[in-house]
Amino acid sequence: MEQKKWFILDSQQKVSGPYLQEEIEGRLAQLGSSLIWGRSQSEWLGPEKWKKHLRELDENVRKHKSQSERLWKIRVGNQELKPLTHDQMMEFLKTRHDLTEIMIWTEGYSEWKDIYQIHKLMDELGVSRRQHPRVPIMGTVMMEGASSTNQARALSISEGGLGVTDAPQVRIGEKFKIILKSSNLFNPLHATAEVVYVGTDNYAGLKFIGLHSESKSAIIEYVKKFTELKN
């Protein structure tokens, strides 16, 4: 059965979902200025850009349908492993308790990817059920580092971390005090976080290393709304 994986952000900055692709397509004419997000995207997209994104996804599936014959590369921190088949890679990943340092590359990828960006692998591993499920969120993130303070846009959130876009020039390993303000949360979220992934598309993945108890409770409550709907 196809999984519901698409979310809608309306003009009031409220997120609803998840929906099947067919459910989104049936709503396109009524969406207006609403935005759409799924785990395969690095940002929220308007209806027309979302349809283009779907066409690109279909093309990628056709181009790389012989997945079992491809070789995959894994990087753990600064160590790169020898190329593995898909089955060998999955066996290795299933032995790892911490996936935050795992980066993946295979033919067709323009860059190394954080494993949390590859939703197919996450589904195969059961990461979203076994660890911290990620859900979309919209808001601003103030990032205070040792030498500067910058602002980014929140894209996704879990009990374990935060995905941001329009990120400043951050580097893997950098630590920040962050404040997330979102209409989806009752109060601003305060935390300290470490950068664990930086992409060329202005996306950065942050892992919480210090989270206020009130903020943790707010995240759990917000995430629960989506996981219950999905289940």
Protein backbone atom coordinates (compact mmCIF):
# COMPACT_ATOMS: atom_id res chain seq x y z
CA MET A 1 0.00 0.00 0.00
CA GLU A 2 1.29 3.47 -0.89
CA GLN A 3 2.34 5.48 2.14
CA LYS A 4 0.89 8.88 2.91
CA LYS A 5 3.87 11.20 2.79
CA TRP A 6 2.76 14.65 1.57
CA PHE A 7 1.88 17.66 3.73
CA ILE A 8 0.16 20.98 2.98
CA LEU A 9 1.02 24.37 4.47
CA ASP A 10 -1.94 26.76 4.10
CA SER A 11 -2.00 30.56 4.03
CA GLN A 12 -2.44 30.59 7.83
CA GLN A 13 0.88 28.76 8.25
CA LYS A 14 -0.92 25.61 9.44
CA VAL A 15 0.35 22.19 8.40
CA SER A 16 -2.02 19.33 7.55
CA GLY A 17 -1.41 15.78 6.39
CA PRO A 18 -0.05 13.33 5.61
CA TYR A 19 -1.80 12.72 2.28
CA LEU A 20 -1.43 10.29 -0.60
CA GLN A 21 -0.14 11.70 -3.87
CA GLU A 22 -3.59 11.17 -5.41
CA GLU A 23 -5.18 13.15 -2.58
CA ILE A 24 -2.85 16.09 -3.24
CA GLU A 25 -3.48 15.92 -6.99
CA GLY A 26 -7.22 16.04 -6.32
CA ARG A 27 -6.79 19.23 -4.28
CA LEU A 28 -4.43 21.12 -6.63
CA ALA A 29 -7.11 23.35 -8.11
CA GLN A 30 -8.15 24.53 -4.64
CA LEU A 31 -4.69 24.97 -3.11
CA GLY A 32 -4.07 28.52 -4.32
CA SER A 33 -0.98 29.85 -2.52
CA SER A 34 -0.65 26.79 -0.27
CA LEU A 35 2.65 24.91 -0.30
CA ILE A 36 3.45 21.17 -0.44
CA TRP A 37 6.27 19.25 1.22
CA GLY A 38 7.43 15.63 1.27
CA ARG A 39 10.52 13.86 2.56
CA SER A 40 12.11 13.90 -0.90
CA GLN A 41 12.10 17.73 -1.00
CA SER A 42 14.57 20.27 0.36
CA GLU A 43 11.92 23.01 0.59
CA TRP A 44 8.16 23.68 0.45
CA LEU A 45 6.90 23.93 -3.13
CA GLY A 46 3.93 25.59 -4.79
CA PRO A 47 1.53 23.33 -6.77
CA GLU A 48 3.20 23.82 -10.17
CA LYS A 49 6.72 23.28 -8.85
CA TRP A 50 5.47 20.24 -6.92
CA LYS A 51 4.12 18.66 -10.13
CA LYS A 52 7.50 19.29 -11.79
CA HIS A 53 9.19 17.70 -8.78
CA LEU A 54 7.02 14.58 -9.22
CA ARG A 55 8.03 14.30 -12.87
CA GLU A 56 11.69 14.50 -11.85
CA LEU A 57 11.14 11.79 -9.22
CA ASP A 58 9.51 9.51 -11.80
CA GLU A 59 12.41 10.10 -14.17
CA ASN A 60 14.91 9.22 -11.45
CA VAL A 61 13.01 6.02 -10.68
CA ARG A 62 13.09 4.98 -14.34
CA LYS A 63 16.74 5.91 -14.65
CA HIS A 64 17.84 3.95 -11.60
CA LYS A 65 15.30 1.14 -11.43
CA SER A 66 18.02 -1.54 -11.41
CA GLN A 67 18.86 -0.66 -7.81
CA SER A 68 19.97 -4.17 -6.86
CA GLU A 69 22.74 -4.00 -9.48
CA ARG A 70 24.09 -0.65 -8.35
CA LEU A 71 26.93 -0.22 -5.91
CA TRP A 72 26.56 2.05 -2.91
CA LYS A 73 29.20 3.92 -0.95
CA ILE A 74 28.99 4.61 2.77
CA ARG A 75 30.95 7.20 4.71
CA VAL A 76 31.04 7.02 8.49
CA GLY A 77 32.56 10.25 9.75
CA ASN A 78 35.81 10.57 7.79
CA GLN A 79 36.02 6.86 6.91
CA GLU A 80 34.75 5.68 3.53
CA LEU A 81 33.88 1.98 3.19
CA LYS A 82 34.38 -0.13 0.07
CA PRO A 83 31.44 -0.13 -2.39
CA LEU A 84 28.57 -2.43 -1.37
CA THR A 85 25.54 -3.91 -3.07
CA HIS A 86 22.16 -2.75 -1.84
CA ASP A 87 21.66 -5.87 0.29
CA GLN A 88 25.16 -5.61 1.79
CA MET A 89 24.58 -1.94 2.59
CA MET A 90 21.28 -2.70 4.32
CA GLU A 91 22.88 -5.43 6.43
CA PHE A 92 25.59 -2.98 7.51
CA LEU A 93 23.13 -0.17 8.31
CA LYS A 94 20.97 -2.49 10.41
CA THR A 95 23.96 -3.05 12.73
CA ARG A 96 24.37 0.69 13.41
CA HIS A 97 22.73 2.16 16.49
CA ASP A 98 23.61 5.78 15.55
CA LEU A 99 22.90 6.82 11.95
CA THR A 100 23.63 10.53 12.34
CA GLU A 101 27.20 10.19 10.99
CA ILE A 102 26.19 8.02 8.01
CA MET A 103 26.47 9.52 4.52
CA ILE A 104 25.39 7.66 1.36
CA TRP A 105 26.39 7.96 -2.31
CA THR A 106 25.46 5.97 -5.41
CA GLU A 107 25.37 6.52 -9.15
CA GLY A 108 22.99 9.35 -9.98
CA TYR A 109 23.62 11.32 -6.80
CA SER A 110 25.29 14.70 -7.33
CA GLU A 111 26.57 14.68 -3.74
CA TRP A 112 26.83 12.59 -0.60
CA LYS A 113 23.48 12.46 1.22
CA ASP A 114 22.52 12.28 4.86
CA ILE A 115 20.73 8.95 5.26
CA TYR A 116 17.72 10.82 6.69
CA GLN A 117 17.27 12.47 3.28
CA ILE A 118 16.84 9.10 1.54
CA HIS A 119 13.31 8.23 2.63
CA LYS A 120 13.30 4.87 0.80
CA LEU A 121 16.24 3.66 2.90
CA MET A 122 14.62 5.04 6.04
CA ASP A 123 11.47 3.07 5.29
CA GLU A 124 13.46 -0.11 4.63
CA LEU A 125 15.33 0.32 7.91
CA GLY A 126 12.22 1.26 9.85
CA VAL A 127 14.06 4.34 11.10
CA SER A 128 10.94 6.48 11.30
CA ARG A 129 9.32 3.91 13.60
CA ARG A 130 12.38 2.82 15.57
CA GLN A 131 14.02 6.19 16.17
CA HIS A 132 12.75 9.75 15.88
CA PRO A 133 10.06 10.34 13.22
CA ARG A 134 10.51 13.58 11.32
CA VAL A 135 7.59 15.77 10.32
CA PRO A 136 7.39 19.09 8.44
CA ILE A 137 7.29 22.41 10.20
CA MET A 138 7.49 26.02 9.08
CA GLY A 139 9.24 28.70 11.09
CA THR A 140 12.36 30.81 11.59
CA VAL A 141 15.47 29.56 13.34
CA MET A 142 17.92 31.93 15.01
CA MET A 143 21.35 30.27 15.15
CA GLU A 144 23.88 31.77 17.56
CA GLY A 145 27.38 30.40 17.10
CA ALA A 146 30.75 31.18 18.60
CA SER A 147 31.44 34.00 16.15
CA SER A 148 28.13 34.99 14.56
CA THR A 149 24.34 34.90 14.73
CA ASN A 150 22.35 33.91 11.64
CA GLN A 151 18.80 33.07 10.64
CA ALA A 152 17.50 30.07 8.67
CA ARG A 153 14.08 28.57 7.81
CA ALA A 154 12.85 25.43 9.55
CA LEU A 155 11.79 22.61 7.23
CA SER A 156 11.42 19.46 9.36
CA ILE A 157 11.68 18.52 13.02
CA SER A 158 11.97 15.48 15.26
CA GLU A 159 12.77 14.80 18.88
CA GLY A 160 16.35 14.25 17.74
CA GLY A 161 16.96 17.23 15.51
CA LEU A 162 15.96 19.87 13.00
CA GLY A 163 16.23 20.26 9.25
CA VAL A 164 16.72 23.82 7.99
CA THR A 165 16.97 25.48 4.61
CA ASP A 166 18.35 28.86 3.54
CA ALA A 167 21.04 28.00 6.07
CA PRO A 168 24.04 30.30 6.44
CA GLN A 169 27.56 29.07 5.71
CA VAL A 170 27.68 26.40 8.40
CA ARG A 171 30.10 23.50 8.70
CA ILE A 172 29.66 19.96 9.95
CA GLY A 173 30.60 19.83 13.62
CA GLU A 174 29.66 23.43 14.39
CA LYS A 175 27.49 23.96 17.45
CA PHE A 176 24.79 26.59 17.87
CA LYS A 177 22.31 27.87 20.39
CA ILE A 178 19.04 27.95 18.48
CA ILE A 179 15.61 29.47 18.92
CA LEU A 180 12.82 28.14 16.70
CA LYS A 181 9.72 30.28 16.32
CA SER A 182 6.77 28.69 14.55
CA SER A 183 3.02 29.22 14.45
CA ASN A 184 2.78 25.44 14.88
CA LEU A 185 4.33 25.66 18.37
CA PHE A 186 2.78 27.44 21.33
CA ASN A 187 6.11 28.89 22.53
CA PRO A 188 9.55 29.41 20.98
CA LEU A 189 11.75 26.30 21.12
CA HIS A 190 15.17 26.67 22.78
CA ALA A 191 17.98 24.18 22.23
CA THR A 192 21.65 23.68 21.46
CA ALA A 193 22.41 21.75 18.29
CA GLU A 194 25.31 20.40 16.23
CA VAL A 195 25.48 20.46 12.43
CA VAL A 196 25.64 16.86 11.18
CA TYR A 197 24.87 17.42 7.49
CA VAL A 198 25.37 20.22 4.97
CA GLY A 199 24.04 19.99 1.41
CA THR A 200 24.74 22.08 -1.68
CA ASP A 201 21.05 23.05 -1.82
CA ASN A 202 21.23 25.26 1.32
CA TYR A 203 19.90 22.41 3.45
CA ALA A 204 21.50 21.58 6.79
CA GLY A 205 20.71 18.88 9.31
CA LEU A 206 21.06 19.72 13.01
CA LYS A 207 21.19 17.21 15.87
CA PHE A 208 19.95 18.36 19.26
CA ILE A 209 22.65 18.04 21.92
CA GLY A 210 20.81 20.07 24.53
CA LEU A 211 17.03 20.45 24.60
CA HIS A 212 14.95 22.21 27.26
CA SER A 213 12.34 19.90 28.79
CA GLU A 214 9.50 22.22 27.76
CA SER A 215 10.78 22.26 24.21
CA LYS A 216 11.13 18.47 24.11
CA SER A 217 7.55 18.06 25.30
CA ALA A 218 6.32 20.50 22.65
CA ILE A 219 8.13 18.57 19.89
CA ILE A 220 6.78 15.22 21.07
CA GLU A 221 3.24 16.59 21.10
CA TYR A 222 3.62 18.16 17.65
CA VAL A 223 5.17 15.04 16.10
CA LYS A 224 2.54 12.80 17.69
CA LYS A 225 -0.19 14.54 15.73
CA PHE A 226 1.33 13.40 12.46
CA THR A 227 2.44 9.91 13.49
CA GLU A 228 -1.04 9.14 14.78
CA LEU A 229 -2.57 10.28 11.50
CA LYS A 230 -0.10 8.20 9.51
CA ASN A 231 -0.63 5.08 11.59
